Amino acid sequence: MAGKVLILIEDRPIKGIILKTLHEKKLEFMEGLDVKDLQMKLKIFQDTIIFLVIQISSVSYKEQFSFVKSVKDNAVPSFPVFAIIPSDSREFVGSAKKAGIEDVVLIPENRERFHKSFIARLNAFMEKNPVIGQVLEAQMLHKSNVINLLSDEELKYEIKRANRGKYSVSFVMGKFAGVHIEQIQNFYITLKKEMRDTDRIISYDYHSFVVVCPFTVKSYRVEVEKKIRDAFETAFGGYSRVQRLNMYGVTYPDDGESISELVTLMDKGVHDSMIISSIQEPLNEISRGRLEEYRNMLKLYK
């Protein structure tokens, strides 16, 4: 999934200016409906959100500032936030700084002036936050490496050899969330000790991998997934609301007969796993509206 800018903008003309600017910069966006919706989407897509653009409302500003402060204090201290504040609410500037928002732009009465000032401030904001460029680079790398997997000659040969030998090959794709890069090598070392000599681990970007297991039928794939989970718990000390491993497995020829088909299924499965694992409420307590939001997010990848 490509890197996106998370936005919460109530003013339609202002939203139009912001979306046009993001489009010109070739930045995709994901829109939040309210603060609770922002919390949910940031939790699910934290590794793909580049930064947040939020319009401070005179009605819900306390909840908005509280949300940003909780993100900065507890989840992602370096997460870039860009706030838009009405020019007649300058007292919000001080509150924004207390919440950890360093970059704000005031909305002048002349909307044309806002367009120019927003572009200038956004450029400065992106230059000042190198993490934005790093996330964009990582997302491009992920997309490039998924494409490389689709054309990986070794994987294609693995399928051809399995076809000639009439045996199954299982694949499991995994994606880390909320873990330190330095610890990931420990995960691979731990996992390798538990795998057979014929199995392979392909690390195709800094937080994603594919495990390839020849001679492994679909019914045994659950044992491979268990080994991966155990290695994650050993390397990272277990799962938490922030620290997760989302994965999805497929088997040739049961789930598909080409690498293109199998990789596409895994990539979509990992995305759906991210959505499902983020649900904290008991299913029988989720409102129809919230359930529909989850369904729509699952449809994003179809």
Protein backbone atom coordinates (compact mmCIF):
# COMPACT_ATOMS: atom_id res chain seq x y z
CA MET A 1 0.00 0.00 0.00
CA ALA A 2 1.48 3.34 -1.02
CA GLY A 3 2.41 6.07 1.49
CA LYS A 4 -0.44 8.46 2.19
CA VAL A 5 -1.12 11.76 3.92
CA LEU A 6 -3.80 11.48 6.59
CA ILE A 7 -6.11 14.51 6.57
CA LEU A 8 -8.98 15.89 8.64
CA ILE A 9 -10.39 19.02 6.99
CA GLU A 10 -13.94 20.27 7.54
CA ASP A 11 -13.91 23.41 5.39
CA ARG A 12 -14.70 22.34 1.80
CA PRO A 13 -12.87 25.20 -0.02
CA ILE A 14 -9.81 24.66 2.19
CA LYS A 15 -10.00 20.93 1.56
CA GLY A 16 -10.07 21.58 -2.20
CA ILE A 17 -6.89 23.66 -1.99
CA ILE A 18 -5.12 21.03 0.12
CA LEU A 19 -6.12 18.09 -2.06
CA LYS A 20 -5.06 19.95 -5.21
CA THR A 21 -1.68 20.71 -3.64
CA LEU A 22 -1.15 17.10 -2.52
CA HIS A 23 -2.11 15.87 -5.99
CA GLU A 24 0.39 18.24 -7.62
CA LYS A 25 3.08 16.81 -5.33
CA LYS A 26 1.99 13.28 -6.32
CA LEU A 27 1.01 12.52 -2.72
CA GLU A 28 -1.95 10.24 -2.06
CA PHE A 29 -4.27 10.96 0.86
CA MET A 30 -6.54 9.16 3.30
CA GLU A 31 -9.36 11.16 4.85
CA GLY A 32 -10.51 10.94 8.46
CA LEU A 33 -14.12 11.61 9.42
CA ASP A 34 -13.38 12.71 12.98
CA VAL A 35 -10.76 12.23 15.70
CA LYS A 36 -11.86 8.66 16.49
CA ASP A 37 -11.61 7.79 12.81
CA LEU A 38 -8.09 9.31 12.71
CA GLN A 39 -7.09 7.16 15.69
CA MET A 40 -8.33 4.01 14.00
CA LYS A 41 -6.68 4.69 10.65
CA LEU A 42 -3.38 5.79 12.18
CA LYS A 43 -3.29 2.62 14.26
CA ILE A 44 -4.01 0.38 11.26
CA PHE A 45 -1.88 2.13 8.63
CA GLN A 46 0.85 3.63 10.84
CA ASP A 47 3.67 2.32 8.62
CA THR A 48 2.15 3.87 5.49
CA ILE A 49 1.04 7.28 6.86
CA ILE A 50 3.58 9.97 5.96
CA PHE A 51 2.14 12.85 7.99
CA LEU A 52 -1.10 14.37 9.26
CA VAL A 53 -2.79 17.57 8.06
CA ILE A 54 -5.51 18.63 10.48
CA GLN A 55 -7.81 21.67 10.50
CA ILE A 56 -8.37 22.84 14.05
CA SER A 57 -12.06 23.29 14.80
CA SER A 58 -13.45 25.77 17.30
CA VAL A 59 -15.94 23.08 18.34
CA SER A 60 -13.67 20.03 18.80
CA TYR A 61 -10.22 21.63 19.25
CA LYS A 62 -9.75 20.15 22.74
CA GLU A 63 -10.30 16.61 21.47
CA GLN A 64 -8.05 17.29 18.46
CA PHE A 65 -5.16 18.64 20.53
CA SER A 66 -5.56 15.77 23.01
CA PHE A 67 -5.36 13.25 20.16
CA VAL A 68 -2.18 14.78 18.71
CA LYS A 69 -0.57 15.00 22.13
CA SER A 70 -1.33 11.32 22.85
CA VAL A 71 0.27 10.33 19.53
CA LYS A 72 3.35 12.43 20.22
CA ASP A 73 3.67 11.31 23.86
CA ASN A 74 2.86 7.62 23.60
CA ALA A 75 2.97 6.24 20.06
CA VAL A 76 5.15 8.09 17.55
CA PRO A 77 6.98 11.12 19.03
CA SER A 78 8.53 12.04 15.67
CA PHE A 79 5.25 11.78 13.71
CA PRO A 80 4.94 14.99 11.62
CA VAL A 81 1.74 17.01 12.13
CA PHE A 82 0.72 20.07 10.13
CA ALA A 83 -2.15 22.15 11.59
CA ILE A 84 -4.43 24.67 9.87
CA ILE A 85 -5.87 27.32 12.18
CA PRO A 86 -8.41 30.10 11.48
CA SER A 87 -6.80 33.55 11.57
CA ASP A 88 -9.34 34.71 14.19
CA SER A 89 -8.27 31.90 16.56
CA ARG A 90 -4.62 32.78 17.16
CA GLU A 91 -4.91 31.53 20.74
CA PHE A 92 -4.93 28.03 19.26
CA VAL A 93 -1.32 28.47 18.16
CA GLY A 94 -0.08 28.20 21.74
CA SER A 95 -2.27 25.16 22.38
CA ALA A 96 -0.96 23.56 19.20
CA LYS A 97 2.64 23.93 20.40
CA LYS A 98 1.72 22.41 23.78
CA ALA A 99 0.29 19.43 21.91
CA GLY A 100 3.59 19.00 20.06
CA ILE A 101 2.51 20.63 16.77
CA GLU A 102 5.39 22.77 15.52
CA ASP A 103 3.99 23.65 12.10
CA VAL A 104 0.82 25.72 11.73
CA VAL A 105 -0.63 27.92 9.01
CA LEU A 106 -3.35 30.51 9.58
CA ILE A 107 -6.33 30.79 7.24
CA PRO A 108 -6.56 34.40 5.99
CA GLU A 109 -9.79 35.90 4.73
CA ASN A 110 -8.35 35.93 1.21
CA ARG A 111 -8.38 32.27 0.13
CA GLU A 112 -5.94 32.91 -2.73
CA ARG A 113 -3.38 34.05 -0.20
CA PHE A 114 -3.97 30.83 1.75
CA HIS A 115 -3.18 28.74 -1.33
CA LYS A 116 0.21 30.43 -1.75
CA SER A 117 1.05 30.40 1.95
CA PHE A 118 0.02 26.76 2.32
CA ILE A 119 2.29 25.64 -0.53
CA ALA A 120 5.22 27.59 0.92
CA ARG A 121 4.67 26.27 4.45
CA LEU A 122 4.11 22.70 3.23
CA ASN A 123 7.38 22.76 1.26
CA ALA A 124 9.25 23.99 4.32
CA PHE A 125 7.48 21.41 6.49
CA MET A 126 8.48 18.52 4.22
CA GLU A 127 12.09 19.70 3.98
CA LYS A 128 12.31 20.05 7.76
CA ASN A 129 11.02 16.52 8.38
CA PRO A 130 13.42 14.05 6.73
CA VAL A 131 11.26 11.15 7.99
CA ILE A 132 8.72 12.09 5.30
CA GLY A 133 11.25 11.45 2.56
CA GLN A 134 12.36 8.24 4.29
CA VAL A 135 8.80 6.89 4.42
CA LEU A 136 8.19 7.81 0.79
CA GLU A 137 11.43 6.08 -0.19
CA ALA A 138 10.48 3.00 1.85
CA GLN A 139 7.05 2.85 0.21
CA MET A 140 8.56 3.12 -3.27
CA LEU A 141 11.00 0.37 -2.29
CA HIS A 142 8.14 -1.86 -1.10
CA LYS A 143 6.23 -1.34 -4.35
CA SER A 144 9.36 -1.98 -6.41
CA ASN A 145 10.20 -5.13 -4.47
CA VAL A 146 6.68 -6.54 -4.80
CA ILE A 147 7.08 -6.06 -8.55
CA ASN A 148 10.49 -7.77 -8.33
CA LEU A 149 8.88 -10.70 -6.50
CA LEU A 150 6.38 -11.06 -9.32
CA SER A 151 9.27 -11.47 -11.78
CA ASP A 152 11.68 -13.34 -9.47
CA GLU A 153 13.23 -16.05 -11.65
CA GLU A 154 14.13 -18.25 -8.66
CA LEU A 155 10.51 -18.23 -7.47
CA LYS A 156 9.30 -18.98 -10.98
CA TYR A 157 11.77 -21.84 -11.15
CA GLU A 158 10.52 -23.07 -7.76
CA ILE A 159 7.02 -23.33 -9.23
CA LYS A 160 8.29 -25.06 -12.41
CA ARG A 161 10.28 -27.58 -10.37
CA ALA A 162 7.28 -28.28 -8.12
CA ASN A 163 5.12 -28.75 -11.20
CA ARG A 164 7.55 -31.30 -12.66
CA GLY A 165 7.93 -33.10 -9.34
CA LYS A 166 4.21 -32.94 -8.57
CA TYR A 167 4.69 -31.56 -5.05
CA SER A 168 3.39 -28.53 -3.12
CA VAL A 169 5.21 -25.32 -2.21
CA SER A 170 3.96 -23.05 0.57
CA PHE A 171 4.69 -19.31 0.82
CA VAL A 172 4.12 -17.00 3.81
CA MET A 173 4.42 -13.21 3.51
CA GLY A 174 4.93 -11.17 6.67
CA LYS A 175 5.07 -7.48 7.50
CA PHE A 176 6.36 -5.93 10.74
CA ALA A 177 4.70 -2.97 12.45
CA GLY A 178 6.11 -0.91 15.30
CA VAL A 179 9.46 -2.72 15.60
CA HIS A 180 13.01 -1.39 15.54
CA ILE A 181 15.01 -2.16 12.42
CA GLU A 182 18.00 -3.20 14.56
CA GLN A 183 15.97 -6.09 16.04
CA ILE A 184 14.78 -7.51 12.73
CA GLN A 185 18.05 -9.37 12.04
CA ASN A 186 17.59 -11.22 15.34
CA PHE A 187 14.19 -12.35 14.08
CA TYR A 188 15.69 -13.79 10.89
CA ILE A 189 18.47 -15.57 12.82
CA THR A 190 15.93 -17.08 15.23
CA LEU A 191 13.57 -18.14 12.44
CA LYS A 192 16.34 -19.66 10.31
CA LYS A 193 17.26 -22.03 13.16
CA GLU A 194 13.72 -23.43 13.12
CA MET A 195 13.41 -23.88 9.35
CA ARG A 196 14.58 -26.78 7.17
CA ASP A 197 17.63 -26.52 4.92
CA THR A 198 15.33 -26.50 1.88
CA ASP A 199 13.33 -23.50 3.17
CA ARG A 200 14.23 -19.93 2.22
CA ILE A 201 13.59 -16.51 3.78
CA ILE A 202 13.45 -13.58 1.35
CA SER A 203 13.69 -10.14 3.00
CA TYR A 204 12.51 -7.74 0.30
CA ASP A 205 12.44 -4.47 2.25
CA TYR A 206 13.24 -3.37 5.78
CA HIS A 207 9.95 -4.59 7.29
CA SER A 208 8.61 -7.28 4.90
CA PHE A 209 9.60 -10.83 4.03
CA VAL A 210 8.47 -14.03 2.30
CA VAL A 211 9.19 -17.54 3.56
CA VAL A 212 9.38 -20.22 0.81
CA CYS A 213 8.82 -23.84 1.89
CA PRO A 214 9.09 -26.56 -0.79
CA PHE A 215 7.47 -29.96 -0.09
CA THR A 216 4.98 -28.31 2.27
CA VAL A 217 1.30 -29.06 1.73
CA LYS A 218 -1.42 -26.57 2.58
CA SER A 219 -2.48 -28.41 5.75
CA TYR A 220 1.07 -28.15 7.17
CA ARG A 221 1.42 -24.44 6.38
CA VAL A 222 -0.07 -23.62 9.80
CA GLU A 223 3.08 -25.14 11.38
CA VAL A 224 5.26 -22.79 9.32
CA GLU A 225 3.16 -19.82 10.45
CA LYS A 226 3.50 -20.98 14.07
CA LYS A 227 7.30 -21.04 13.73
CA ILE A 228 7.20 -17.49 12.36
CA ARG A 229 5.02 -16.27 15.26
CA ASP A 230 7.29 -17.98 17.81
CA ALA A 231 10.37 -16.34 16.25
CA PHE A 232 8.65 -12.95 16.42
CA GLU A 233 7.82 -13.39 20.11
CA THR A 234 11.39 -14.48 20.86
CA ALA A 235 13.01 -11.61 18.94
CA PHE A 236 10.63 -8.83 19.99
CA GLY A 237 9.25 -9.99 23.33
CA GLY A 238 5.73 -10.65 22.08
CA TYR A 239 2.87 -8.74 20.51
CA SER A 240 1.36 -5.43 21.65
CA ARG A 241 -1.14 -2.89 20.32
CA VAL A 242 1.73 -1.12 18.56
CA GLN A 243 4.17 -3.97 17.88
CA ARG A 244 2.71 -6.54 15.49
CA LEU A 245 3.46 -9.04 12.76
CA ASN A 246 0.80 -9.39 10.08
CA MET A 247 1.12 -12.32 7.70
CA TYR A 248 -0.70 -14.39 5.13
CA GLY A 249 0.15 -17.71 3.51
CA VAL A 250 -0.63 -19.46 0.23
CA THR A 251 0.22 -22.83 -1.26
CA TYR A 252 0.98 -23.93 -4.82
CA PRO A 253 -1.03 -25.34 -6.56
CA ASP A 254 -4.01 -25.11 -4.17
CA ASP A 255 -4.25 -21.29 -4.11
CA GLY A 256 -2.77 -20.45 -7.50
CA GLU A 257 -0.52 -21.75 -10.25
CA SER A 258 1.64 -18.67 -10.96
CA ILE A 259 3.91 -16.46 -8.86
CA SER A 260 1.90 -13.41 -9.96
CA GLU A 261 -1.31 -14.90 -8.59
CA LEU A 262 0.27 -16.12 -5.35
CA VAL A 263 2.13 -12.87 -4.54
CA THR A 264 -0.99 -10.79 -5.24
CA LEU A 265 -3.02 -13.00 -2.87
CA MET A 266 -0.39 -12.68 -0.13
CA ASP A 267 -0.04 -8.91 -0.47
CA LYS A 268 -3.82 -8.46 -0.21
CA GLY A 269 -4.01 -10.96 2.66
CA VAL A 270 -1.40 -9.06 4.69
CA HIS A 271 -3.31 -5.81 4.10
CA ASP A 272 -6.56 -7.41 5.31
CA SER A 273 -4.75 -8.89 8.32
CA MET A 274 -3.64 -5.37 9.30
CA ILE A 275 -7.29 -4.23 9.29
CA ILE A 276 -8.65 -7.22 11.19
CA SER A 277 -5.91 -7.27 13.85
CA SER A 278 -6.59 -3.59 14.62
CA ILE A 279 -10.18 -4.28 15.74
CA GLN A 280 -10.20 -3.96 19.52
CA GLU A 281 -13.94 -4.02 20.20
CA PRO A 282 -15.95 -7.27 20.57
CA LEU A 283 -17.59 -7.90 17.19
CA ASN A 284 -21.08 -7.92 18.70
CA GLU A 285 -20.47 -4.41 20.09
CA ILE A 286 -19.27 -2.75 16.87
CA SER A 287 -21.78 -0.27 15.47
CA ARG A 288 -23.07 -0.69 11.94
CA GLY A 289 -21.32 2.52 10.90
CA ARG A 290 -17.94 1.38 12.27
CA LEU A 291 -18.37 -2.09 10.75
CA GLU A 292 -19.04 -0.49 7.38
CA GLU A 293 -15.81 1.55 7.73
CA TYR A 294 -13.82 -1.65 8.29
CA ARG A 295 -15.50 -3.26 5.28
CA ASN A 296 -14.65 -0.26 3.11
CA MET A 297 -11.00 -0.43 4.17
CA LEU A 298 -10.89 -4.11 3.25
CA LYS A 299 -12.34 -3.22 -0.16
CA LEU A 300 -9.56 -0.66 -0.76
CA TYR A 301 -7.23 -3.42 -1.81
CA LYS A 302 -9.58 -5.42 -4.05
